[in-house]
C-alpha atoms as a PDB file:
ATOM      1  CA  MET A   1     -18.224 -23.653  17.488  1.00  0.00           C
ATOM      2  CA  GLY A   2     -14.165 -24.062  17.159  1.00  0.00           C
ATOM      3  CA  SER A   3     -11.779 -23.982  20.404  1.00  0.00           C
ATOM      4  CA  THR A   4     -11.851 -20.609  22.208  1.00  0.00           C
ATOM      5  CA  THR A   5      -8.019 -19.890  21.067  1.00  0.00           C
ATOM      6  CA  ILE A   6      -6.977 -15.978  20.925  1.00  0.00           C
ATOM      7  CA  ALA A   7      -6.747 -13.975  17.892  1.00  0.00           C
ATOM      8  CA  THR A   8      -3.370 -13.517  17.065  1.00  0.00           C
ATOM      9  CA  PHE A   9      -1.423 -11.308  14.442  1.00  0.00           C
ATOM     10  CA  LYS A  10       2.126 -11.094  14.311  1.00  0.00           C
ATOM     11  CA  SER A  11       4.426  -7.779  14.330  1.00  0.00           C
ATOM     12  CA  ARG A  12       4.583  -6.445  10.757  1.00  0.00           C
ATOM     13  CA  GLN A  13       2.092  -8.740   9.388  1.00  0.00           C
ATOM     14  CA  LEU A  14      -0.199  -7.140   6.888  1.00  0.00           C
ATOM     15  CA  LEU A  15      -3.901  -7.147   7.092  1.00  0.00           C
ATOM     16  CA  GLY A  16      -5.265  -5.575   4.087  1.00  0.00           C
ATOM     17  CA  LYS A  17      -3.718  -2.154   4.136  1.00  0.00           C
ATOM     18  CA  TYR A  18      -3.234  -2.250   7.814  1.00  0.00           C
ATOM     19  CA  ARG A  19       0.313  -3.435   9.061  1.00  0.00           C
ATOM     20  CA  ILE A  20       0.052  -4.910  12.714  1.00  0.00           C
ATOM     21  CA  GLU A  21       2.560  -3.472  15.105  1.00  0.00           C
ATOM     22  CA  ARG A  22       1.819  -4.546  18.465  1.00  0.00           C
ATOM     23  CA  LYS A  23      -1.130  -6.124  20.579  1.00  0.00           C
ATOM     24  CA  LEU A  24      -2.665  -3.944  23.030  1.00  0.00           C
ATOM     25  CA  ALA A  25      -5.150  -5.755  24.868  1.00  0.00           C
ATOM     26  CA  ASP A  26      -6.757  -9.421  25.007  1.00  0.00           C
ATOM     27  CA  GLY A  27     -10.572  -9.235  26.128  1.00  0.00           C
ATOM     28  CA  GLY A  28     -13.162 -11.761  26.790  1.00  0.00           C
ATOM     29  CA  TYR A  29     -14.312 -12.139  23.159  1.00  0.00           C
ATOM     30  CA  ALA A  30     -11.764 -10.115  21.099  1.00  0.00           C
ATOM     31  CA  SER A  31      -8.222  -8.882  20.895  1.00  0.00           C
ATOM     32  CA  VAL A  32      -7.066  -5.307  20.044  1.00  0.00           C
ATOM     33  CA  TYR A  33      -3.946  -4.365  18.152  1.00  0.00           C
ATOM     34  CA  GLN A  34      -2.372  -0.961  16.987  1.00  0.00           C
ATOM     35  CA  ALA A  35      -1.686  -1.222  13.627  1.00  0.00           C
ATOM     36  CA  PHE A  36      -0.597   1.375  10.961  1.00  0.00           C
ATOM     37  CA  ASP A  37      -2.580   2.300   7.955  1.00  0.00           C
ATOM     38  CA  THR A  38      -0.167   2.260   4.984  1.00  0.00           C
ATOM     39  CA  ILE A  39      -2.632   4.008   2.644  1.00  0.00           C
ATOM     40  CA  GLU A  40      -3.701   6.938   4.858  1.00  0.00           C
ATOM     41  CA  GLY A  41      -0.595   6.820   6.866  1.00  0.00           C
ATOM     42  CA  ILE A  42      -1.995   6.894  10.514  1.00  0.00           C
ATOM     43  CA  ARG A  43      -2.009   4.716  13.328  1.00  0.00           C
ATOM     44  CA  VAL A  44      -5.470   2.704  14.197  1.00  0.00           C
ATOM     45  CA  ALA A  45      -6.562   0.330  17.020  1.00  0.00           C
ATOM     46  CA  ILE A  46      -7.892  -3.043  15.129  1.00  0.00           C
ATOM     47  CA  LYS A  47     -10.529  -5.459  17.129  1.00  0.00           C
ATOM     48  CA  ALA A  48     -10.418  -8.918  16.100  1.00  0.00           C
ATOM     49  CA  PRO A  49     -12.601 -11.316  17.581  1.00  0.00           C
ATOM     50  CA  HIS A  50     -11.044 -14.624  19.039  1.00  0.00           C
ATOM     51  CA  PRO A  51     -11.233 -17.312  16.408  1.00  0.00           C
ATOM     52  CA  GLY A  52     -13.225 -19.695  18.895  1.00  0.00           C
ATOM     53  CA  PHE A  53     -15.913 -16.952  19.193  1.00  0.00           C
ATOM     54  CA  VAL A  54     -16.355 -16.595  15.640  1.00  0.00           C
ATOM     55  CA  THR A  55     -20.074 -17.846  15.193  1.00  0.00           C
ATOM     56  CA  ASP A  56     -23.135 -16.474  13.612  1.00  0.00           C
ATOM     57  CA  ASP A  57     -24.344 -15.270  16.844  1.00  0.00           C
ATOM     58  CA  THR A  58     -21.159 -13.209  17.671  1.00  0.00           C
ATOM     59  CA  LEU A  59     -20.633 -11.916  14.296  1.00  0.00           C
ATOM     60  CA  ASN A  60     -24.333 -10.485  14.623  1.00  0.00           C
ATOM     61  CA  ASP A  61     -22.911  -9.039  17.775  1.00  0.00           C
ATOM     62  CA  PHE A  62     -20.235  -7.360  16.163  1.00  0.00           C
ATOM     63  CA  ARG A  63     -22.423  -6.046  13.438  1.00  0.00           C
ATOM     64  CA  ARG A  64     -24.816  -4.940  15.840  1.00  0.00           C
ATOM     65  CA  GLU A  65     -21.812  -2.946  17.758  1.00  0.00           C
ATOM     66  CA  VAL A  66     -20.991  -1.525  14.173  1.00  0.00           C
ATOM     67  CA  ARG A  67     -24.641  -0.266  13.332  1.00  0.00           C
ATOM     68  CA  MET A  68     -25.061   1.229  17.016  1.00  0.00           C
ATOM     69  CA  LEU A  69     -21.946   3.468  16.430  1.00  0.00           C
ATOM     70  CA  ALA A  70     -22.742   4.220  13.068  1.00  0.00           C
ATOM     71  CA  LYS A  71     -25.893   5.895  14.333  1.00  0.00           C
ATOM     72  CA  MET A  72     -24.096   7.662  17.256  1.00  0.00           C
ATOM     73  CA  ASP A  73     -22.759  10.821  15.980  1.00  0.00           C
ATOM     74  CA  HIS A  74     -21.069  12.596  19.323  1.00  0.00           C
ATOM     75  CA  PRO A  75     -17.176  14.071  20.204  1.00  0.00           C
ATOM     76  CA  ASN A  76     -17.124  11.892  23.165  1.00  0.00           C
ATOM     77  CA  ILE A  77     -18.002   8.343  21.397  1.00  0.00           C
ATOM     78  CA  LEU A  78     -15.473   6.829  19.637  1.00  0.00           C
ATOM     79  CA  SER A  79     -16.396   6.103  15.887  1.00  0.00           C
ATOM     80  CA  ILE A  80     -15.534   3.487  13.268  1.00  0.00           C
ATOM     81  CA  LYS A  81     -13.245   3.783  10.536  1.00  0.00           C
ATOM     82  CA  ASP A  82     -13.794   0.275   8.975  1.00  0.00           C
ATOM     83  CA  ALA A  83     -15.740  -2.998   9.770  1.00  0.00           C
ATOM     84  CA  SER A  84     -15.321  -5.840   7.357  1.00  0.00           C
ATOM     85  CA  PHE A  85     -13.962  -9.526   6.717  1.00  0.00           C
ATOM     86  CA  ILE A  86     -10.029  -8.415   5.730  1.00  0.00           C
ATOM     87  CA  ASP A  87      -7.907 -11.798   4.579  1.00  0.00           C
ATOM     88  CA  ASP A  88     -11.086 -13.969   6.219  1.00  0.00           C
ATOM     89  CA  HIS A  89     -10.798 -12.385   9.516  1.00  0.00           C
ATOM     90  CA  PHE A  90     -13.642 -10.033  10.643  1.00  0.00           C
ATOM     91  CA  VAL A  91     -12.148  -6.908  11.805  1.00  0.00           C
ATOM     92  CA  ILE A  92     -13.262  -3.459  13.241  1.00  0.00           C
ATOM     93  CA  VAL A  93     -10.960  -0.581  12.961  1.00  0.00           C
ATOM     94  CA  TYR A  94     -10.837   2.316  15.013  1.00  0.00           C
ATOM     95  CA  PRO A  95      -8.907   5.584  15.800  1.00  0.00           C
ATOM     96  CA  LEU A  96      -6.263   5.057  18.149  1.00  0.00           C
ATOM     97  CA  GLY A  97      -6.165   6.942  21.209  1.00  0.00           C
ATOM     98  CA  GLU A  98      -3.048   8.039  23.232  1.00  0.00           C
ATOM     99  CA  LYS A  99      -3.837   6.428  26.550  1.00  0.00           C
ATOM    100  CA  THR A 100      -7.021   5.280  28.735  1.00  0.00           C
ATOM    101  CA  LEU A 101      -8.483   6.727  31.577  1.00  0.00           C
ATOM    102  CA  SER A 102      -7.145   3.665  33.504  1.00  0.00           C
ATOM    103  CA  ASP A 103      -3.778   4.806  32.758  1.00  0.00           C
ATOM    104  CA  ARG A 104      -4.478   8.308  33.843  1.00  0.00           C
ATOM    105  CA  LEU A 105      -5.597   6.769  37.076  1.00  0.00           C
ATOM    106  CA  ARG A 106      -2.133   5.824  38.074  1.00  0.00           C
ATOM    107  CA  SER A 107      -1.539   9.132  39.283  1.00  0.00           C
ATOM    108  CA  ARG A 108      -3.335  11.584  41.569  1.00  0.00           C
ATOM    109  CA  MET A 109      -6.033  13.708  39.768  1.00  0.00           C
ATOM    110  CA  SER A 110      -6.802  17.216  40.541  1.00  0.00           C
ATOM    111  CA  ILE A 111     -10.357  18.489  41.152  1.00  0.00           C
ATOM    112  CA  ALA A 112     -10.329  20.260  37.787  1.00  0.00           C
ATOM    113  CA  THR A 113      -9.160  17.204  35.682  1.00  0.00           C
ATOM    114  CA  ILE A 114     -11.755  14.912  37.752  1.00  0.00           C
ATOM    115  CA  LEU A 115     -14.530  17.669  36.568  1.00  0.00           C
ATOM    116  CA  ASN A 116     -13.340  17.577  33.366  1.00  0.00           C
ATOM    117  CA  VAL A 117     -13.414  13.748  32.907  1.00  0.00           C
ATOM    118  CA  THR A 118     -16.350  13.586  34.652  1.00  0.00           C
ATOM    119  CA  THR A 119     -18.383  16.180  32.332  1.00  0.00           C
ATOM    120  CA  GLN A 120     -16.940  14.249  28.896  1.00  0.00           C
ATOM    121  CA  MET A 121     -18.326  10.754  30.585  1.00  0.00           C
ATOM    122  CA  LEU A 122     -21.411  12.149  31.148  1.00  0.00           C
ATOM    123  CA  GLU A 123     -21.654  13.600  27.665  1.00  0.00           C
ATOM    124  CA  ALA A 124     -21.330  10.522  26.251  1.00  0.00           C
ATOM    125  CA  THR A 125     -23.244   8.558  28.299  1.00  0.00           C
ATOM    126  CA  ALA A 126     -26.208  10.844  28.198  1.00  0.00           C
ATOM    127  CA  TYR A 127     -26.184  10.987  24.570  1.00  0.00           C
ATOM    128  CA  ALA A 128     -26.190   7.042  24.258  1.00  0.00           C
ATOM    129  CA  HIS A 129     -28.985   7.093  26.862  1.00  0.00           C
ATOM    130  CA  SER A 130     -30.750   9.353  24.576  1.00  0.00           C
ATOM    131  CA  GLN A 131     -30.563   7.148  21.760  1.00  0.00           C
ATOM    132  CA  LYS A 132     -31.914   4.103  23.949  1.00  0.00           C
ATOM    133  CA  ILE A 133     -28.691   2.423  24.452  1.00  0.00           C
ATOM    134  CA  ILE A 134     -27.107   1.120  27.723  1.00  0.00           C
ATOM    135  CA  HIS A 135     -23.482   0.384  27.253  1.00  0.00           C
ATOM    136  CA  CYS A 136     -23.281  -2.156  30.124  1.00  0.00           C
ATOM    137  CA  ASP A 137     -19.462  -2.058  30.374  1.00  0.00           C
ATOM    138  CA  ILE A 138     -18.628   1.629  31.563  1.00  0.00           C
ATOM    139  CA  LYS A 139     -15.026   1.261  33.018  1.00  0.00           C
ATOM    140  CA  PRO A 140     -11.657   3.662  32.815  1.00  0.00           C
ATOM    141  CA  GLU A 141     -10.357   1.011  30.317  1.00  0.00           C
ATOM    142  CA  ASN A 142     -12.963   2.073  27.926  1.00  0.00           C
ATOM    143  CA  MET A 143     -12.400   5.504  27.993  1.00  0.00           C
ATOM    144  CA  LEU A 144      -9.817   6.595  25.702  1.00  0.00           C
ATOM    145  CA  ILE A 145      -7.921   9.981  25.689  1.00  0.00           C
ATOM    146  CA  PHE A 146      -7.042  11.522  22.537  1.00  0.00           C
ATOM    147  CA  PRO A 147      -5.091  14.831  21.269  1.00  0.00           C
ATOM    148  CA  ASN A 148      -6.519  17.846  23.016  1.00  0.00           C
ATOM    149  CA  ASN A 149      -7.238  15.526  25.732  1.00  0.00           C
ATOM    150  CA  VAL A 150     -10.843  14.560  24.270  1.00  0.00           C
ATOM    151  CA  LEU A 151     -12.092  11.576  26.112  1.00  0.00           C
ATOM    152  CA  LYS A 152     -14.117   9.036  24.093  1.00  0.00           C
ATOM    153  CA  LEU A 153     -16.179   6.175  25.346  1.00  0.00           C
ATOM    154  CA  THR A 154     -15.597   3.032  23.632  1.00  0.00           C
ATOM    155  CA  ASP A 155     -16.489  -0.862  23.260  1.00  0.00           C
ATOM    156  CA  PHE A 156     -20.252  -1.030  22.758  1.00  0.00           C
ATOM    157  CA  GLY A 157     -19.427  -4.678  22.323  1.00  0.00           C
ATOM    158  CA  ILE A 158     -22.038  -6.098  24.857  1.00  0.00           C
ATOM    159  CA  ALA A 159     -24.496  -2.780  24.928  1.00  0.00           C
ATOM    160  CA  LYS A 160     -28.029  -3.467  24.144  1.00  0.00           C
ATOM    161  CA  ILE A 161     -30.926  -1.376  22.783  1.00  0.00           C
ATOM    162  CA  ALA A 162     -33.092  -0.433  26.022  1.00  0.00           C
ATOM    163  CA  GLN A 163     -35.966  -2.627  25.047  1.00  0.00           C
ATOM    164  CA  LYS A 164     -34.286  -5.744  24.713  1.00  0.00           C
ATOM    165  CA  THR A 165     -32.873  -7.912  27.625  1.00  0.00           C
ATOM    166  CA  VAL A 166     -29.074  -8.766  28.027  1.00  0.00           C
ATOM    167  CA  ARG A 167     -28.573 -12.164  27.600  1.00  0.00           C
ATOM    168  CA  GLY A 168     -27.298 -14.116  30.737  1.00  0.00           C
ATOM    169  CA  ALA A 169     -26.228 -12.706  33.812  1.00  0.00           C
ATOM    170  CA  GLY A 170     -23.369 -10.686  34.839  1.00  0.00           C
ATOM    171  CA  THR A 171     -22.515  -9.060  31.170  1.00  0.00           C
ATOM    172  CA  GLY A 172     -19.874  -6.337  31.854  1.00  0.00           C
ATOM    173  CA  THR A 173     -17.043  -5.916  34.315  1.00  0.00           C
ATOM    174  CA  VAL A 174     -17.511  -6.929  37.790  1.00  0.00           C
ATOM    175  CA  GLY A 175     -15.169  -4.053  39.642  1.00  0.00           C
ATOM    176  CA  TYR A 176     -17.837  -1.515  38.341  1.00  0.00           C
ATOM    177  CA  MET A 177     -20.957  -3.494  37.868  1.00  0.00           C
ATOM    178  CA  ALA A 178     -24.328  -2.780  39.330  1.00  0.00           C
ATOM    179  CA  PRO A 179     -25.576  -5.242  41.663  1.00  0.00           C
ATOM    180  CA  GLU A 180     -28.981  -5.998  39.569  1.00  0.00           C
ATOM    181  CA  GLN A 181     -26.615  -6.095  36.321  1.00  0.00           C
ATOM    182  CA  ALA A 182     -24.878  -8.850  37.902  1.00  0.00           C
ATOM    183  CA  MET A 183     -28.298 -10.903  37.971  1.00  0.00           C
ATOM    184  CA  GLY A 184     -28.853 -10.205  34.432  1.00  0.00           C
ATOM    185  CA  LYS A 185     -31.334  -7.349  34.658  1.00  0.00           C
ATOM    186  CA  PRO A 186     -29.001  -3.983  33.342  1.00  0.00           C
ATOM    187  CA  SER A 187     -31.059  -0.676  32.971  1.00  0.00           C
ATOM    188  CA  PHE A 188     -30.079   2.787  32.092  1.00  0.00           C
ATOM    189  CA  ARG A 189     -29.518   3.136  36.005  1.00  0.00           C
ATOM    190  CA  SER A 190     -26.815   0.474  35.875  1.00  0.00           C
ATOM    191  CA  ASP A 191     -24.751   2.754  33.696  1.00  0.00           C
ATOM    192  CA  VAL A 192     -25.394   5.654  36.171  1.00  0.00           C
ATOM    193  CA  PHE A 193     -23.901   3.317  38.982  1.00  0.00           C
ATOM    194  CA  SER A 194     -20.633   2.662  36.809  1.00  0.00           C
ATOM    195  CA  LEU A 195     -20.263   6.307  36.261  1.00  0.00           C
ATOM    196  CA  GLY A 196     -20.708   6.973  40.120  1.00  0.00           C
ATOM    197  CA  LEU A 197     -18.017   4.558  41.050  1.00  0.00           C
ATOM    198  CA  ILE A 198     -15.362   5.787  38.500  1.00  0.00           C
ATOM    199  CA  ILE A 199     -15.987   9.550  39.703  1.00  0.00           C
ATOM    200  CA  TYR A 200     -15.902   8.299  43.440  1.00  0.00           C
ATOM    201  CA  ARG A 201     -12.647   6.520  42.423  1.00  0.00           C
ATOM    202  CA  MET A 202     -11.095   9.792  40.970  1.00  0.00           C
ATOM    203  CA  ILE A 203     -11.853  11.514  43.956  1.00  0.00           C
ATOM    204  CA  SER A 204     -10.999   9.148  46.815  1.00  0.00           C
ATOM    205  CA  GLY A 205      -8.295   7.113  45.186  1.00  0.00           C
ATOM    206  CA  GLN A 206     -10.711   4.181  46.280  1.00  0.00           C
ATOM    207  CA  TRP A 207     -13.765   2.645  45.219  1.00  0.00           C
ATOM    208  CA  PRO A 208     -16.620   0.872  47.560  1.00  0.00           C
ATOM    209  CA  GLU A 209     -17.148  -2.755  47.053  1.00  0.00           C
ATOM    210  CA  TYR A 210     -20.239  -4.869  47.655  1.00  0.00           C
ATOM    211  CA  PRO A 211     -22.712  -4.569  49.416  1.00  0.00           C
ATOM    212  CA  TYR A 212     -21.770  -1.046  48.623  1.00  0.00           C
ATOM    213  CA  ASP A 213     -22.616   0.274  52.200  1.00  0.00           C
ATOM    214  CA  TRP A 214     -22.434   4.005  52.463  1.00  0.00           C
ATOM    215  CA  PRO A 215     -20.457   6.095  53.485  1.00  0.00           C
ATOM    216  CA  GLY A 216     -17.770   3.987  51.552  1.00  0.00           C
ATOM    217  CA  PRO A 217     -13.890   3.922  51.797  1.00  0.00           C
ATOM    218  CA  GLY A 218     -12.228   7.176  51.320  1.00  0.00           C
ATOM    219  CA  ILE A 219     -15.250   8.881  52.325  1.00  0.00           C
ATOM    220  CA  THR A 220     -13.102  11.492  54.371  1.00  0.00           C
ATOM    221  CA  LYS A 221     -11.093  12.622  51.369  1.00  0.00           C
ATOM    222  CA  VAL A 222     -14.192  13.038  49.153  1.00  0.00           C
ATOM    223  CA  ARG A 223     -15.591  15.293  51.626  1.00  0.00           C
ATOM    224  CA  LYS A 224     -12.689  17.258  52.011  1.00  0.00           C
ATOM    225  CA  ARG A 225     -12.386  17.498  48.251  1.00  0.00           C
ATOM    226  CA  VAL A 226     -16.128  18.473  47.226  1.00  0.00           C
ATOM    227  CA  THR A 227     -18.978  20.058  48.510  1.00  0.00           C
ATOM    228  CA  SER A 228     -21.810  18.776  50.644  1.00  0.00           C
ATOM    229  CA  GLY A 229     -24.241  18.578  47.425  1.00  0.00           C
ATOM    230  CA  PHE A 230     -21.401  16.776  45.269  1.00  0.00           C
ATOM    231  CA  VAL A 231     -21.198  14.168  48.251  1.00  0.00           C
ATOM    232  CA  GLU A 232     -25.036  13.936  47.877  1.00  0.00           C
ATOM    233  CA  PHE A 233     -24.606  13.369  44.355  1.00  0.00           C
ATOM    234  CA  LEU A 234     -22.131  10.665  44.427  1.00  0.00           C
ATOM    235  CA  GLU A 235     -24.355   8.781  47.052  1.00  0.00           C
ATOM    236  CA  ARG A 236     -27.282   8.916  44.803  1.00  0.00           C
ATOM    237  CA  SER A 237     -24.897   7.547  42.115  1.00  0.00           C
ATOM    238  CA  ILE A 238     -24.138   4.716  43.734  1.00  0.00           C
ATOM    239  CA  ASP A 239     -26.885   3.632  45.427  1.00  0.00           C
ATOM    240  CA  PRO A 240     -27.085  -0.316  45.566  1.00  0.00           C
ATOM    241  CA  ARG A 241     -30.904  -0.148  45.003  1.00  0.00           C
ATOM    242  CA  PRO A 242     -31.714   1.096  41.375  1.00  0.00           C
ATOM    243  CA  ARG A 243     -34.658   3.022  42.422  1.00  0.00           C
ATOM    244  CA  GLY A 244     -32.408   5.138  44.566  1.00  0.00           C
ATOM    245  CA  ARG A 245     -30.142   6.321  41.886  1.00  0.00           C
ATOM    246  CA  PHE A 246     -30.750   8.785  39.070  1.00  0.00           C
ATOM    247  CA  ARG A 247     -32.911   6.957  36.141  1.00  0.00           C
ATOM    248  CA  ASP A 248     -30.385   7.656  33.764  1.00  0.00           C
ATOM    249  CA  ALA A 249     -27.300   9.514  32.468  1.00  0.00           C
ATOM    250  CA  ILE A 250     -29.293  12.598  31.415  1.00  0.00           C
ATOM    251  CA  HIS A 251     -30.626  13.245  34.870  1.00  0.00           C
ATOM    252  CA  MET A 252     -27.387  12.503  36.231  1.00  0.00           C
ATOM    253  CA  GLN A 253     -25.685  15.026  33.844  1.00  0.00           C
ATOM    254  CA  ASN A 254     -28.201  17.543  34.987  1.00  0.00           C
ATOM    255  CA  VAL A 255     -27.723  17.281  38.637  1.00  0.00           C
ATOM    256  CA  PHE A 256     -24.042  17.185  37.989  1.00  0.00           C
ATOM    257  CA  ARG A 257     -23.799  20.703  36.187  1.00  0.00           C
ATOM    258  CA  ARG A 258     -25.196  22.001  39.317  1.00  0.00           C
ATOM    259  CA  VAL A 259     -23.196  20.550  41.966  1.00  0.00           C
ATOM    260  CA  ARG A 260     -19.971  21.240  39.818  1.00  0.00           C
ATOM    261  CA  LEU A 261     -20.631  24.635  40.336  1.00  0.00           C
ATOM    262  CA  GLY A 262     -20.095  24.545  44.154  1.00  0.00           C
ATOM    263  CA  VAL A 263     -16.928  22.528  43.732  1.00  0.00           C
ATOM    264  CA  LEU A 264     -15.515  25.201  41.344  1.00  0.00           C
ATOM    265  CA  ARG A 265     -16.276  28.168  43.572  1.00  0.00           C
ATOM    266  CA  LYS A 266     -14.865  25.973  46.802  1.00  0.00           C
ATOM    267  CA  HIS A 267     -11.606  25.488  44.781  1.00  0.00           C
ATOM    268  CA  ASN A 268     -11.407  28.948  43.269  1.00  0.00           C
ATOM    269  CA  LEU A 269     -11.808  27.586  39.790  1.00  0.00           C
ATOM    270  CA  PRO A 270     -12.744  29.250  36.550  1.00  0.00           C
ATOM    271  CA  ALA A 271     -16.533  28.252  35.201  1.00  0.00           C
ATOM    272  CA  THR A 272     -14.676  26.531  31.963  1.00  0.00           C
ATOM    273  CA  THR A 273     -12.227  23.898  32.613  1.00  0.00           C
ATOM    274  CA  PRO A 274      -9.575  23.655  29.946  1.00  0.00           C
ATOM    275  CA  ARG A 275      -9.144  20.103  28.443  1.00  0.00           C
ATOM    276  CA  ASN A 276      -5.262  20.180  28.989  1.00  0.00           C
ATOM    277  CA  LEU A 277      -5.819  19.630  32.464  1.00  0.00           C
ATOM    278  CA  LEU A 278      -6.092  15.752  31.746  1.00  0.00           C
ATOM    279  CA  THR A 279      -2.516  15.548  31.561  1.00  0.00           C
ATOM    280  CA  ASN A 280      -1.641  17.648  34.578  1.00  0.00           C
ATOM    281  CA  ARG A 281      -0.795  15.965  37.942  1.00  0.00           C
ATOM    282  CA  ALA A 282      -2.755  17.168  41.143  1.00  0.00           C
ATOM    283  CA  ALA A 283      -0.602  19.223  43.686  1.00  0.00           C
END
């Protein structure tokens, strides 16, 4: 394997029909760029693995990601536009979102917005779990917001088919990683834990840290903003013991739908939350 250099494309560089505009992010194994499709006339995101990680094994990982996404047809999961070698570079091309959920978290979120985001996160993850796929890296940076405030889950690069074991220990982002996943033993319940931490952070503005003792920081604000049933939902979602959590996002989603109604009533909100609330700041 070569040196672990970072994949680098220059602004205005042509990569097949794509003209590079700017780098968006550097990940552990790939860089992401904003580019312009000169044929279709649209902007896209291009993921390119770092040259030092381009081996038969990593290319197989990328191909696996492509195959997984190709079989998942859901409005809250990011689709792939292209995956191929272009000018001797293996790249995956995606639709370009407007911002990430991480960007949105920089300002306080209303309860209506939080419920809307949670609904879409759970839709995406429950669908992946129904396909026997564990994401393994659920975090705000991997949730893109598109026009009409549709949220899409992305970066299944380290996701695994449920029947297989994740190679190595600690695959995922530490800040949102379940304790058992840090030991190399992820399951559907690990994704539940990550989702729970994100929801807790949206409501409280803080997140629990290891060893995840309950109640966590910001619990007073949580109890003020939601119902006791929703607090119990959160506590179960981020239980450090896997067996204490919902068994998967499907079960988590079913319980959320029930406790959500209580929060809506508490805040005199309509049962149907318009998607445009994703751009509104909380009072």
